[in-house]
């Protein structure tokens, strides 16, 4: 994912929203390079997690965007379903 993000960041503004428990989030923050992302959000920091629409709204408020202006990419059908209902353009990532 980070390789793709690096390539895409040349053309698009990228935001990462990930569901992580606090311990795992802290480990990732220390060991990953997030320079390709304009903003990074961890569910454990927010107190909500996907697919709850509230976490999507939280991120949208922070980045000052509306769903229709965003492409949401995820490997979870449940998360994609929520994003579609909210008006995001979506792409389901398949590994």
Protein backbone atom coordinates (compact mmCIF):
# COMPACT_ATOMS: atom_id res chain seq x y z
CA UNK A 1 0.00 0.00 0.00
CA UNK A 2 2.78 2.44 0.86
CA UNK A 3 4.41 1.98 -2.56
CA UNK A 4 1.10 2.73 -4.31
CA UNK A 5 0.54 5.72 -2.04
CA UNK A 6 3.95 7.12 -2.92
CA UNK A 7 3.12 6.87 -6.64
CA UNK A 8 -0.37 8.33 -6.26
CA UNK A 9 0.73 11.18 -4.00
CA UNK A 10 2.34 12.86 -7.00
CA UNK A 11 -1.14 13.38 -8.47
CA UNK A 12 -3.62 13.28 -5.59
CA UNK A 13 -4.09 14.38 -2.01
CA UNK A 14 -4.08 11.21 0.09
CA UNK A 15 -5.62 10.60 3.49
CA UNK A 16 -5.17 7.40 5.48
CA UNK A 17 -7.92 6.21 7.82
CA UNK A 18 -7.16 2.94 9.55
CA UNK A 19 -8.81 0.85 12.25
CA UNK A 20 -6.12 0.04 14.79
CA UNK A 21 -6.02 -0.71 18.48
CA UNK A 22 -3.83 1.73 20.42
CA UNK A 23 -0.86 -0.62 20.87
CA UNK A 24 -0.73 -1.48 17.18
CA UNK A 25 -1.27 2.16 16.16
CA UNK A 26 1.70 3.29 18.25
CA UNK A 27 3.90 0.59 16.70
CA UNK A 28 2.85 1.60 13.18
CA UNK A 29 3.43 5.29 13.90
CA UNK A 30 6.99 4.51 14.98
CA UNK A 31 7.89 2.19 12.11
CA UNK A 32 6.10 3.40 8.98
CA UNK A 33 6.75 6.37 6.73
CA UNK A 34 3.56 8.36 6.20
CA UNK A 35 5.15 11.08 4.07
CA UNK A 36 2.96 10.20 1.07
CA UNK A 37 -0.17 11.07 3.03
CA UNK A 38 -1.49 14.57 3.66
CA UNK A 39 -3.28 13.38 6.80
CA UNK A 40 -3.29 10.13 8.80
CA UNK A 41 -6.10 9.09 11.14
CA UNK A 42 -6.10 6.11 13.51
CA UNK A 43 -9.41 4.88 14.87
CA UNK A 44 -7.91 4.40 18.33
CA UNK A 45 -7.02 8.12 18.45
CA UNK A 46 -10.51 9.16 17.37
CA UNK A 47 -12.53 6.74 19.50
CA UNK A 48 -14.58 5.50 16.55
CA UNK A 49 -13.95 2.86 13.91
CA UNK A 50 -15.02 2.00 10.40
CA UNK A 51 -17.67 1.29 9.20
CA UNK A 52 -19.33 3.77 11.59
CA UNK A 53 -20.33 6.79 9.45
CA UNK A 54 -19.30 9.06 12.33
CA UNK A 55 -15.60 8.33 11.72
CA UNK A 56 -15.98 9.18 8.03
CA UNK A 57 -17.72 12.44 8.97
CA UNK A 58 -14.95 13.21 11.48
CA UNK A 59 -12.30 12.85 8.78
CA UNK A 60 -14.32 14.82 6.23
CA UNK A 61 -14.66 17.68 8.69
CA UNK A 62 -10.92 17.68 9.39
CA UNK A 63 -9.94 17.67 5.70
CA UNK A 64 -12.76 20.04 4.73
CA UNK A 65 -14.17 17.83 1.98
CA UNK A 66 -17.54 16.34 1.06
CA UNK A 67 -17.93 12.65 0.19
CA UNK A 68 -18.60 13.29 -3.50
CA UNK A 69 -15.17 14.91 -3.84
CA UNK A 70 -13.40 11.84 -2.46
CA UNK A 71 -12.43 8.40 -3.71
CA UNK A 72 -12.56 5.94 -0.82
CA UNK A 73 -10.42 2.80 -1.22
CA UNK A 74 -10.72 -0.15 1.15
CA UNK A 75 -10.50 -3.94 1.11
CA UNK A 76 -13.55 -4.34 3.36
CA UNK A 77 -16.91 -4.68 1.62
CA UNK A 78 -18.62 -3.46 4.79
CA UNK A 79 -16.57 -0.24 4.84
CA UNK A 80 -17.16 0.28 1.12
CA UNK A 81 -20.91 -0.17 1.63
CA UNK A 82 -20.97 2.58 4.24
CA UNK A 83 -18.90 4.89 2.02
CA UNK A 84 -21.25 4.32 -0.94
CA UNK A 85 -24.28 5.14 1.23
CA UNK A 86 -22.55 8.35 2.29
CA UNK A 87 -21.90 9.43 -1.31
CA UNK A 88 -18.20 8.61 -1.73
CA UNK A 89 -16.79 7.35 -4.98
CA UNK A 90 -15.35 3.97 -4.03
CA UNK A 91 -12.91 1.28 -5.10
CA UNK A 92 -12.67 -2.06 -3.36
CA UNK A 93 -9.01 -3.08 -3.15
CA UNK A 94 -8.32 -6.75 -3.69
CA UNK A 95 -4.97 -8.15 -2.60
